[in-house]
Amino acid sequence: VHLQKYFLAATLSSSVGIYGPVFE
C-alpha cells in the first residue's frame, strides 16, 4: 500500500511530499 501510494503521488504529480519517517 505504501509503495503504491508513493509511486502514484510521485508520477502523477510533478510535486510530491511525505511526512516521515512515519510514512516509510
PDB file of all heavy atoms in Angstrom:
ATOM      1  N   VAL A   1       0.831  -1.200   0.000  1.00  0.00           N
ATOM      2  CA  VAL A   1       0.000   0.000   0.000  1.00  0.00           C
ATOM      3  C   VAL A   1       0.867   1.252   0.000  1.00  0.00           C
ATOM      4  O   VAL A   1       0.625   2.207  -0.759  1.00  0.00           O
ATOM      5  CB  VAL A   1      -0.941   0.008   1.226  1.00  0.00           C
ATOM      6  CG1 VAL A   1      -1.632   1.364   1.352  1.00  0.00           C
ATOM      7  CG2 VAL A   1      -1.974  -1.078   1.128  1.00  0.00           C
ATOM      8  N   HIS A   2       1.883   1.272   0.835  1.00  0.00           N
ATOM      9  CA  HIS A   2       2.754   2.439   0.916  1.00  0.00           C
ATOM     10  C   HIS A   2       3.532   2.640  -0.386  1.00  0.00           C
ATOM     11  O   HIS A   2       3.711   3.778  -0.841  1.00  0.00           O
ATOM     12  CB  HIS A   2       3.706   2.299   2.102  1.00  0.00           C
ATOM     13  CG  HIS A   2       3.034   2.491   3.429  1.00  0.00           C
ATOM     14  ND1 HIS A   2       2.237   1.524   4.002  1.00  0.00           N
ATOM     15  CD2 HIS A   2       3.039   3.547   4.293  1.00  0.00           C
ATOM     16  CE1 HIS A   2       1.779   1.972   5.161  1.00  0.00           C
ATOM     17  NE2 HIS A   2       2.256   3.192   5.368  1.00  0.00           N
ATOM     18  N   LEU A   3       3.974   1.560  -0.989  1.00  0.00           N
ATOM     19  CA  LEU A   3       4.671   1.673  -2.270  1.00  0.00           C
ATOM     20  C   LEU A   3       3.746   2.215  -3.353  1.00  0.00           C
ATOM     21  O   LEU A   3       4.135   3.084  -4.143  1.00  0.00           O
ATOM     22  CB  LEU A   3       5.229   0.310  -2.689  1.00  0.00           C
ATOM     23  CG  LEU A   3       6.393  -0.235  -1.862  1.00  0.00           C
ATOM     24  CD1 LEU A   3       6.742  -1.655  -2.308  1.00  0.00           C
ATOM     25  CD2 LEU A   3       7.620   0.670  -1.973  1.00  0.00           C
ATOM     26  N   GLN A   4       2.532   1.701  -3.404  1.00  0.00           N
ATOM     27  CA  GLN A   4       1.563   2.169  -4.396  1.00  0.00           C
ATOM     28  C   GLN A   4       1.305   3.661  -4.253  1.00  0.00           C
ATOM     29  O   GLN A   4       1.340   4.417  -5.239  1.00  0.00           O
ATOM     30  CB  GLN A   4       0.243   1.416  -4.246  1.00  0.00           C
ATOM     31  CG  GLN A   4       0.258  -0.033  -4.653  1.00  0.00           C
ATOM     32  CD  GLN A   4      -1.026  -0.734  -4.250  1.00  0.00           C
ATOM     33  OE1 GLN A   4      -2.014  -0.097  -3.884  1.00  0.00           O
ATOM     34  NE2 GLN A   4      -1.025  -2.050  -4.297  1.00  0.00           N
ATOM     35  N   LYS A   5       1.039   4.089  -3.010  1.00  0.00           N
ATOM     36  CA  LYS A   5       0.669   5.488  -2.807  1.00  0.00           C
ATOM     37  C   LYS A   5       1.818   6.430  -3.162  1.00  0.00           C
ATOM     38  O   LYS A   5       1.596   7.496  -3.753  1.00  0.00           O
ATOM     39  CB  LYS A   5       0.231   5.717  -1.352  1.00  0.00           C
ATOM     40  CG  LYS A   5      -1.097   5.089  -1.002  1.00  0.00           C
ATOM     41  CD  LYS A   5      -2.267   5.661  -1.802  1.00  0.00           C
ATOM     42  CE  LYS A   5      -2.661   7.048  -1.379  1.00  0.00           C
ATOM     43  NZ  LYS A   5      -3.898   7.531  -2.066  1.00  0.00           N
ATOM     44  N   TYR A   6       3.045   6.052  -2.820  1.00  0.00           N
ATOM     45  CA  TYR A   6       4.143   6.954  -3.164  1.00  0.00           C
ATOM     46  C   TYR A   6       4.377   6.963  -4.671  1.00  0.00           C
ATOM     47  O   TYR A   6       4.590   8.030  -5.266  1.00  0.00           O
ATOM     48  CB  TYR A   6       5.444   6.595  -2.447  1.00  0.00           C
ATOM     49  CG  TYR A   6       6.454   7.704  -2.654  1.00  0.00           C
ATOM     50  CD1 TYR A   6       6.357   8.872  -1.911  1.00  0.00           C
ATOM     51  CD2 TYR A   6       7.430   7.627  -3.640  1.00  0.00           C
ATOM     52  CE1 TYR A   6       7.228   9.941  -2.136  1.00  0.00           C
ATOM     53  CE2 TYR A   6       8.298   8.686  -3.876  1.00  0.00           C
ATOM     54  CZ  TYR A   6       8.190   9.840  -3.117  1.00  0.00           C
ATOM     55  OH  TYR A   6       9.031  10.907  -3.357  1.00  0.00           O
ATOM     56  N   PHE A   7       4.337   5.797  -5.286  1.00  0.00           N
ATOM     57  CA  PHE A   7       4.555   5.737  -6.733  1.00  0.00           C
ATOM     58  C   PHE A   7       3.523   6.593  -7.466  1.00  0.00           C
ATOM     59  O   PHE A   7       3.878   7.375  -8.359  1.00  0.00           O
ATOM     60  CB  PHE A   7       4.468   4.287  -7.217  1.00  0.00           C
ATOM     61  CG  PHE A   7       4.624   4.140  -8.706  1.00  0.00           C
ATOM     62  CD1 PHE A   7       5.870   4.170  -9.292  1.00  0.00           C
ATOM     63  CD2 PHE A   7       3.508   3.985  -9.518  1.00  0.00           C
ATOM     64  CE1 PHE A   7       6.021   4.043 -10.672  1.00  0.00           C
ATOM     65  CE2 PHE A   7       3.645   3.856 -10.895  1.00  0.00           C
ATOM     66  CZ  PHE A   7       4.907   3.885 -11.472  1.00  0.00           C
ATOM     67  N   LEU A   8       2.260   6.460  -7.109  1.00  0.00           N
ATOM     68  CA  LEU A   8       1.209   7.228  -7.770  1.00  0.00           C
ATOM     69  C   LEU A   8       1.404   8.723  -7.536  1.00  0.00           C
ATOM     70  O   LEU A   8       1.316   9.529  -8.473  1.00  0.00           O
ATOM     71  CB  LEU A   8      -0.163   6.788  -7.260  1.00  0.00           C
ATOM     72  CG  LEU A   8      -0.602   5.377  -7.663  1.00  0.00           C
ATOM     73  CD1 LEU A   8      -1.829   4.957  -6.864  1.00  0.00           C
ATOM     74  CD2 LEU A   8      -0.902   5.311  -9.161  1.00  0.00           C
ATOM     75  N   ALA A   9       1.685   9.104  -6.296  1.00  0.00           N
ATOM     76  CA  ALA A   9       1.888  10.520  -5.999  1.00  0.00           C
ATOM     77  C   ALA A   9       3.055  11.094  -6.795  1.00  0.00           C
ATOM     78  O   ALA A   9       2.973  12.195  -7.346  1.00  0.00           O
ATOM     79  CB  ALA A   9       2.129  10.710  -4.503  1.00  0.00           C
ATOM     80  N   ALA A  10       4.147  10.339  -6.869  1.00  0.00           N
ATOM     81  CA  ALA A  10       5.387  10.844  -7.459  1.00  0.00           C
ATOM     82  C   ALA A  10       5.380  10.835  -8.976  1.00  0.00           C
ATOM     83  O   ALA A  10       6.208  11.521  -9.595  1.00  0.00           O
ATOM     84  CB  ALA A  10       6.572  10.024  -6.950  1.00  0.00           C
ATOM     85  N   THR A  11       4.484  10.079  -9.581  1.00  0.00           N
ATOM     86  CA  THR A  11       4.464  10.019 -11.048  1.00  0.00           C
ATOM     87  C   THR A  11       3.229  10.678 -11.647  1.00  0.00           C
ATOM     88  O   THR A  11       3.257  11.082 -12.814  1.00  0.00           O
ATOM     89  CB  THR A  11       4.556   8.561 -11.540  1.00  0.00           C
ATOM     90  OG1 THR A  11       3.494   7.787 -10.963  1.00  0.00           O
ATOM     91  CG2 THR A  11       5.890   7.950 -11.179  1.00  0.00           C
ATOM     92  N   LEU A  12       2.162  10.832 -10.879  1.00  0.00           N
ATOM     93  CA  LEU A  12       1.007  11.582 -11.367  1.00  0.00           C
ATOM     94  C   LEU A  12       1.258  13.084 -11.259  1.00  0.00           C
ATOM     95  O   LEU A  12       0.882  13.853 -12.146  1.00  0.00           O
ATOM     96  CB  LEU A  12      -0.247  11.216 -10.573  1.00  0.00           C
ATOM     97  CG  LEU A  12      -0.858   9.844 -10.857  1.00  0.00           C
ATOM     98  CD1 LEU A  12      -1.932   9.500  -9.832  1.00  0.00           C
ATOM     99  CD2 LEU A  12      -1.448   9.780 -12.264  1.00  0.00           C
ATOM    100  N   SER A  13       1.888  13.512 -10.177  1.00  0.00           N
ATOM    101  CA  SER A  13       2.157  14.931  -9.946  1.00  0.00           C
ATOM    102  C   SER A  13       3.653  15.199 -10.020  1.00  0.00           C
ATOM    103  O   SER A  13       4.462  14.361  -9.630  1.00  0.00           O
ATOM    104  CB  SER A  13       1.625  15.344  -8.572  1.00  0.00           C
ATOM    105  OG  SER A  13       2.014  16.664  -8.249  1.00  0.00           O
ATOM    106  N   SER A  14       4.006  16.393 -10.486  1.00  0.00           N
ATOM    107  CA  SER A  14       5.431  16.739 -10.544  1.00  0.00           C
ATOM    108  C   SER A  14       5.955  17.192  -9.187  1.00  0.00           C
ATOM    109  O   SER A  14       7.170  17.253  -8.991  1.00  0.00           O
ATOM    110  CB  SER A  14       5.672  17.830 -11.589  1.00  0.00           C
ATOM    111  OG  SER A  14       4.860  18.954 -11.350  1.00  0.00           O
ATOM    112  N   SER A  15       5.060  17.512  -8.255  1.00  0.00           N
ATOM    113  CA  SER A  15       5.479  17.815  -6.883  1.00  0.00           C
ATOM    114  C   SER A  15       4.837  16.814  -5.937  1.00  0.00           C
ATOM    115  O   SER A  15       3.647  16.485  -6.072  1.00  0.00           O
ATOM    116  CB  SER A  15       5.081  19.241  -6.486  1.00  0.00           C
ATOM    117  OG  SER A  15       5.898  20.184  -7.142  1.00  0.00           O
ATOM    118  N   VAL A  16       5.641  16.315  -4.997  1.00  0.00           N
ATOM    119  CA  VAL A  16       5.197  15.249  -4.107  1.00  0.00           C
ATOM    120  C   VAL A  16       5.841  15.470  -2.748  1.00  0.00           C
ATOM    121  O   VAL A  16       6.917  16.074  -2.648  1.00  0.00           O
ATOM    122  CB  VAL A  16       5.583  13.862  -4.681  1.00  0.00           C
ATOM    123  CG1 VAL A  16       7.096  13.729  -4.824  1.00  0.00           C
ATOM    124  CG2 VAL A  16       5.034  12.723  -3.832  1.00  0.00           C
ATOM    125  N   GLY A  17       5.171  14.990  -1.697  1.00  0.00           N
ATOM    126  CA  GLY A  17       5.762  15.097  -0.375  1.00  0.00           C
ATOM    127  C   GLY A  17       5.258  14.006   0.548  1.00  0.00           C
ATOM    128  O   GLY A  17       4.176  13.444   0.334  1.00  0.00           O
ATOM    129  N   ILE A  18       6.065  13.679   1.564  1.00  0.00           N
ATOM    130  CA  ILE A  18       5.644  12.740   2.591  1.00  0.00           C
ATOM    131  C   ILE A  18       6.058  13.267   3.952  1.00  0.00           C
ATOM    132  O   ILE A  18       7.038  14.009   4.088  1.00  0.00           O
ATOM    133  CB  ILE A  18       6.226  11.316   2.402  1.00  0.00           C
ATOM    134  CG1 ILE A  18       7.762  11.341   2.373  1.00  0.00           C
ATOM    135  CG2 ILE A  18       5.647  10.635   1.184  1.00  0.00           C
ATOM    136  CD1 ILE A  18       8.395   9.949   2.415  1.00  0.00           C
ATOM    137  N   TYR A  19       5.298  12.868   4.954  1.00  0.00           N
ATOM    138  CA  TYR A  19       5.666  13.088   6.344  1.00  0.00           C
ATOM    139  C   TYR A  19       6.355  11.819   6.814  1.00  0.00           C
ATOM    140  O   TYR A  19       5.785  10.750   6.856  1.00  0.00           O
ATOM    141  CB  TYR A  19       4.406  13.397   7.158  1.00  0.00           C
ATOM    142  CG  TYR A  19       4.502  13.116   8.640  1.00  0.00           C
ATOM    143  CD1 TYR A  19       5.587  13.571   9.404  1.00  0.00           C
ATOM    144  CD2 TYR A  19       3.493  12.405   9.279  1.00  0.00           C
ATOM    145  CE1 TYR A  19       5.652  13.314  10.763  1.00  0.00           C
ATOM    146  CE2 TYR A  19       3.547  12.146  10.644  1.00  0.00           C
ATOM    147  CZ  TYR A  19       4.619  12.592  11.378  1.00  0.00           C
ATOM    148  OH  TYR A  19       4.681  12.328  12.723  1.00  0.00           O
ATOM    149  N   GLY A  20       7.647  11.960   7.140  1.00  0.00           N
ATOM    150  CA  GLY A  20       8.421  10.812   7.549  1.00  0.00           C
ATOM    151  C   GLY A  20       9.097  11.050   8.898  1.00  0.00           C
ATOM    152  O   GLY A  20       9.055  12.163   9.431  1.00  0.00           O
ATOM    153  N   PRO A  21       9.740  10.029   9.441  1.00  0.00           N
ATOM    154  CA  PRO A  21       9.840   8.685   8.869  1.00  0.00           C
ATOM    155  C   PRO A  21       8.588   7.839   9.060  1.00  0.00           C
ATOM    156  O   PRO A  21       8.598   6.645   8.796  1.00  0.00           O
ATOM    157  CB  PRO A  21      11.031   8.083   9.630  1.00  0.00           C
ATOM    158  CG  PRO A  21      10.937   8.720  10.985  1.00  0.00           C
ATOM    159  CD  PRO A  21      10.467  10.128  10.729  1.00  0.00           C
ATOM    160  N   VAL A  22       7.504   8.495   9.501  1.00  0.00           N
ATOM    161  CA  VAL A  22       6.249   7.780   9.718  1.00  0.00           C
ATOM    162  C   VAL A  22       5.829   7.012   8.466  1.00  0.00           C
ATOM    163  O   VAL A  22       5.429   5.844   8.543  1.00  0.00           O
ATOM    164  CB  VAL A  22       5.144   8.779  10.141  1.00  0.00           C
ATOM    165  CG1 VAL A  22       3.772   8.146  10.063  1.00  0.00           C
ATOM    166  CG2 VAL A  22       5.417   9.285  11.548  1.00  0.00           C
ATOM    167  N   PHE A  23       5.924   7.677   7.292  1.00  0.00           N
ATOM    168  CA  PHE A  23       5.460   7.028   6.070  1.00  0.00           C
ATOM    169  C   PHE A  23       6.309   5.812   5.723  1.00  0.00           C
ATOM    170  O   PHE A  23       5.791   4.699   5.558  1.00  0.00           O
ATOM    171  CB  PHE A  23       5.456   8.014   4.901  1.00  0.00           C
ATOM    172  CG  PHE A  23       4.931   7.408   3.622  1.00  0.00           C
ATOM    173  CD1 PHE A  23       3.577   7.382   3.366  1.00  0.00           C
ATOM    174  CD2 PHE A  23       5.794   6.846   2.685  1.00  0.00           C
ATOM    175  CE1 PHE A  23       3.086   6.799   2.200  1.00  0.00           C
ATOM    176  CE2 PHE A  23       5.314   6.270   1.521  1.00  0.00           C
ATOM    177  CZ  PHE A  23       3.958   6.248   1.274  1.00  0.00           C
ATOM    178  N   GLU A  24       7.616   5.998   5.606  1.00  0.00           N
ATOM    179  CA  GLU A  24       8.452   4.893   5.124  1.00  0.00           C
ATOM    180  C   GLU A  24       8.606   3.786   6.163  1.00  0.00           C
ATOM    181  O   GLU A  24       8.948   2.655   5.808  1.00  0.00           O
ATOM    182  CB  GLU A  24       9.820   5.409   4.653  1.00  0.00           C
ATOM    183  CG  GLU A  24      10.693   6.033   5.720  1.00  0.00           C
ATOM    184  CD  GLU A  24      10.548   7.537   5.791  1.00  0.00           C
ATOM    185  OE1 GLU A  24       9.441   8.042   5.506  1.00  0.00           O
ATOM    186  OE2 GLU A  24      11.547   8.206   6.134  1.00  0.00           O
TER     187      GLU A  24
END
